[in-house]
N, C-alpha and C. Protein backbone atom coordinates (compact mmCIF):
# COMPACT_ATOMS: atom_id res chain seq x y z
N MET A 1 27.43 60.53 32.29
CA MET A 1 27.23 61.45 33.22
C MET A 1 28.22 61.23 34.34
N ASN A 2 29.06 62.34 34.67
CA ASN A 2 30.09 62.18 35.92
C ASN A 2 29.49 62.24 36.97
N THR A 3 30.20 62.09 38.29
CA THR A 3 29.26 62.57 39.59
C THR A 3 29.15 64.29 39.31
N ASN A 4 30.28 64.82 38.79
CA ASN A 4 29.99 66.06 39.40
C ASN A 4 28.69 66.69 38.51
N GLY A 5 28.17 66.16 37.43
CA GLY A 5 27.08 66.56 36.81
C GLY A 5 26.20 65.67 37.39
N VAL A 6 26.11 64.79 38.44
CA VAL A 6 24.68 64.39 39.15
C VAL A 6 24.81 65.17 39.99
N SER A 7 25.98 65.93 40.57
CA SER A 7 26.26 66.45 41.94
C SER A 7 25.25 67.97 41.81
N GLN A 8 25.53 68.42 40.54
CA GLN A 8 24.86 70.01 40.20
C GLN A 8 23.57 69.80 39.56
N MET A 9 22.86 68.54 39.26
CA MET A 9 21.76 68.31 39.07
C MET A 9 20.74 68.35 40.33
N PHE A 10 21.60 67.38 41.23
CA PHE A 10 20.45 67.46 42.49
C PHE A 10 20.81 68.57 43.27
N GLY A 11 21.80 69.52 43.14
CA GLY A 11 22.03 70.80 43.74
C GLY A 11 20.33 71.52 43.49
N LYS A 12 20.59 71.62 42.01
CA LYS A 12 19.08 72.34 41.39
C LYS A 12 18.04 71.78 41.76
N PHE A 13 18.12 70.65 41.73
CA PHE A 13 16.65 69.86 42.72
C PHE A 13 16.46 70.40 43.93
N ALA A 14 17.14 70.19 44.76
CA ALA A 14 17.28 70.55 46.04
C ALA A 14 17.01 72.09 46.51
N LYS A 15 17.24 73.11 45.22
CA LYS A 15 17.13 74.67 45.53
C LYS A 15 15.62 74.81 44.89
N THR A 16 15.05 73.85 44.25
CA THR A 16 13.92 74.35 43.59
C THR A 16 12.26 74.23 44.30
N LYS A 17 11.44 75.35 44.42
CA LYS A 17 10.47 75.34 44.91
C LYS A 17 9.26 74.92 44.00
N PHE A 18 9.01 73.44 44.68
CA PHE A 18 7.90 72.82 43.62
C PHE A 18 6.48 73.39 44.37
N PRO A 19 5.12 73.15 43.71
CA PRO A 19 4.47 73.49 44.21
C PRO A 19 4.12 72.58 45.59
N LYS A 20 3.19 72.93 46.48
CA LYS A 20 3.30 72.88 47.94
C LYS A 20 3.08 71.26 48.15
N ILE A 21 2.12 70.72 47.79
CA ILE A 21 1.92 69.26 48.02
C ILE A 21 3.02 68.59 47.68
N LEU A 22 3.58 68.69 46.23
CA LEU A 22 4.75 68.03 46.14
C LEU A 22 5.99 68.15 46.68
N GLN A 23 6.07 69.17 46.93
CA GLN A 23 7.12 69.35 48.28
C GLN A 23 7.25 69.14 49.40
N CYS A 24 5.99 69.10 50.11
CA CYS A 24 5.70 68.39 50.97
C CYS A 24 5.95 66.87 51.01
N PHE A 25 5.53 66.29 49.70
CA PHE A 25 5.94 64.75 49.58
C PHE A 25 7.55 64.37 49.40
N ILE A 26 8.11 65.28 48.52
CA ILE A 26 9.55 65.19 48.80
C ILE A 26 10.22 65.65 49.92
N ASN A 27 10.08 66.37 50.92
CA ASN A 27 10.66 66.64 52.23
C ASN A 27 10.00 65.37 53.32
N LYS A 28 9.04 65.25 53.25
CA LYS A 28 8.35 63.75 54.23
C LYS A 28 9.29 62.55 53.49
N THR A 29 9.37 62.62 52.43
CA THR A 29 9.78 61.10 52.21
C THR A 29 11.51 61.19 52.27
N TYR A 30 12.33 62.34 51.93
CA TYR A 30 13.40 62.62 52.56
C TYR A 30 13.36 62.16 54.33
N VAL A 31 12.93 62.87 54.95
CA VAL A 31 12.83 62.39 56.56
C VAL A 31 12.44 61.22 56.81
N GLN A 32 11.73 60.12 56.13
CA GLN A 32 11.17 58.85 56.41
C GLN A 32 12.54 58.24 55.69
N ILE A 33 13.36 58.36 54.80
CA ILE A 33 14.03 57.45 54.04
C ILE A 33 15.69 57.49 54.77
N PHE A 34 15.76 58.59 55.54
CA PHE A 34 17.17 59.28 56.09
C PHE A 34 16.68 59.16 57.96
N LYS A 35 15.55 58.45 58.10
CA LYS A 35 14.74 58.56 59.62
C LYS A 35 15.43 59.78 60.50
N ILE A 36 15.14 60.67 59.87
CA ILE A 36 15.63 62.18 60.72
C ILE A 36 14.24 62.46 61.82
N ASP A 37 14.90 62.44 62.87
CA ASP A 37 14.21 62.83 63.96
C ASP A 37 13.65 64.52 64.03
N MET A 38 12.81 64.72 63.68
CA MET A 38 12.49 66.30 63.43
C MET A 38 12.00 66.90 64.60
N SER A 39 11.99 66.29 65.84
CA SER A 39 11.72 66.87 67.20
C SER A 39 12.78 67.45 67.61
N LEU A 40 14.17 67.50 67.08
CA LEU A 40 15.16 68.35 67.35
C LEU A 40 15.52 69.68 66.73
N PHE A 41 14.54 69.96 65.64
CA PHE A 41 14.55 71.06 65.16
C PHE A 41 13.57 71.92 65.41
N LYS A 42 13.92 73.02 65.32
CA LYS A 42 13.38 74.50 65.43
C LYS A 42 11.73 74.01 64.78
N GLU A 43 11.55 73.68 63.57
CA GLU A 43 10.65 73.84 62.43
C GLU A 43 10.30 72.67 62.50
N GLU A 44 9.29 71.41 63.13
CA GLU A 44 9.32 70.07 63.57
C GLU A 44 8.96 69.46 61.91
N ASP A 45 7.82 70.46 61.73
CA ASP A 45 7.09 69.81 60.17
C ASP A 45 7.60 70.23 59.03
N ALA A 46 8.24 69.02 58.53
CA ALA A 46 8.98 69.01 57.04
C ALA A 46 8.38 69.53 55.97
N CYS A 47 7.14 69.73 56.22
CA CYS A 47 5.94 70.17 55.15
C CYS A 47 6.27 71.88 54.83
N LYS A 48 6.68 72.29 55.97
CA LYS A 48 6.86 74.01 56.12
C LYS A 48 8.45 74.58 55.54
N TYR A 49 9.14 73.30 55.51
CA TYR A 49 10.30 73.88 54.30
C TYR A 49 9.99 73.75 52.84
N PRO A 50 10.31 75.22 52.23
CA PRO A 50 10.19 75.26 51.29
C PRO A 50 10.66 75.00 49.74
N THR A 51 12.30 74.04 50.44
CA THR A 51 12.86 73.94 49.40
C THR A 51 13.19 72.18 49.99
N LEU A 52 14.02 71.51 49.10
CA LEU A 52 14.81 70.65 50.31
C LEU A 52 15.95 71.23 50.88
N ASN A 53 16.68 71.94 50.29
CA ASN A 53 17.92 72.49 50.81
C ASN A 53 17.48 73.17 51.91
N ALA A 54 16.67 73.95 51.96
CA ALA A 54 15.87 74.45 53.56
C ALA A 54 16.21 73.42 54.56
N LEU A 55 15.46 72.48 53.73
CA LEU A 55 15.28 70.80 55.06
C LEU A 55 17.00 70.52 55.55
N PHE A 56 17.60 70.48 54.30
CA PHE A 56 19.15 70.06 54.64
C PHE A 56 19.55 71.47 55.60
N THR A 57 19.38 72.52 55.75
CA THR A 57 20.15 73.29 56.60
C THR A 57 19.43 73.71 57.58
N ARG A 58 18.45 73.02 58.01
CA ARG A 58 17.23 73.40 59.17
C ARG A 58 18.27 73.46 60.10
N GLU A 59 17.65 74.47 61.44
CA GLU A 59 18.24 74.90 62.84
C GLU A 59 17.85 73.60 63.77
N LYS A 60 18.72 73.54 64.73
CA LYS A 60 18.40 72.62 65.50
C LYS A 60 17.69 73.73 66.79
N LYS A 61 17.15 72.88 67.37
CA LYS A 61 16.91 73.65 68.77
C LYS A 61 18.00 73.95 69.75
N GLU A 62 18.89 72.79 70.01
CA GLU A 62 19.88 72.98 70.89
C GLU A 62 21.06 72.43 70.11
N ILE A 63 22.55 73.32 70.26
CA ILE A 63 23.37 72.31 69.98
C ILE A 63 24.44 72.11 71.38
N GLU A 64 24.87 71.05 71.42
CA GLU A 64 25.61 71.21 72.84
C GLU A 64 27.08 70.84 72.27
N PHE A 65 28.19 71.67 72.73
CA PHE A 65 29.26 71.88 72.75
C PHE A 65 30.34 71.51 73.67
N HIS A 66 31.82 70.64 72.71
CA HIS A 66 32.50 70.32 74.26
C HIS A 66 33.46 71.24 74.87
N GLU A 67 33.56 71.36 75.89
CA GLU A 67 34.23 71.67 76.70
C GLU A 67 35.96 71.98 76.43
N ASP A 68 36.12 70.61 75.99
CA ASP A 68 37.70 69.95 75.88
C ASP A 68 38.35 70.75 74.43
N GLU A 69 39.29 71.54 74.61
CA GLU A 69 39.59 72.18 73.76
C GLU A 69 40.60 71.30 72.27
N ASP A 70 40.40 70.17 72.85
CA ASP A 70 41.22 69.06 71.97
C ASP A 70 40.19 68.13 71.49
N VAL A 71 38.61 68.72 71.27
CA VAL A 71 37.59 68.27 70.55
C VAL A 71 37.23 69.05 69.57
N LEU A 72 37.01 67.99 68.53
CA LEU A 72 36.38 68.95 67.49
C LEU A 72 35.47 68.50 66.89
N CYS A 73 34.54 69.23 67.14
CA CYS A 73 32.91 68.55 66.76
C CYS A 73 32.42 69.59 65.47
N SER A 74 31.48 68.86 64.97
CA SER A 74 30.66 69.46 63.51
C SER A 74 29.28 69.07 63.52
N PRO A 75 28.54 69.73 63.55
CA PRO A 75 27.16 69.49 64.48
C PRO A 75 26.26 68.92 62.98
N SER A 76 26.09 67.44 62.98
CA SER A 76 25.30 67.06 61.68
C SER A 76 24.15 65.79 62.00
N ASP A 77 23.49 65.50 61.29
CA ASP A 77 22.63 64.36 61.91
C ASP A 77 22.51 63.47 60.83
N GLY A 78 24.12 63.44 59.97
CA GLY A 78 24.32 62.35 58.76
C GLY A 78 24.97 61.35 59.59
N LEU A 79 25.57 60.18 58.75
CA LEU A 79 25.84 59.05 59.21
C LEU A 79 27.27 59.12 58.34
N ILE A 80 28.51 58.52 58.89
CA ILE A 80 29.62 57.88 57.85
C ILE A 80 29.77 57.15 57.99
């Protein structure tokens, strides 16, 4: 299977609504593995997100912006 196929499979998995107890386990595991500080987000309880995709696209409580026009910022909690 190529990387595009894996990406498509993961996309389907992330959009799937699993039974609440299983979804809670998936979401909490994701938060734990990637050490996400949920206190930074409007909904802090990982179990309240209905899908993994909803957890991926969660809304932050505050977003800071640079005043300098030469600075490009993209809000993300990921690491490169």
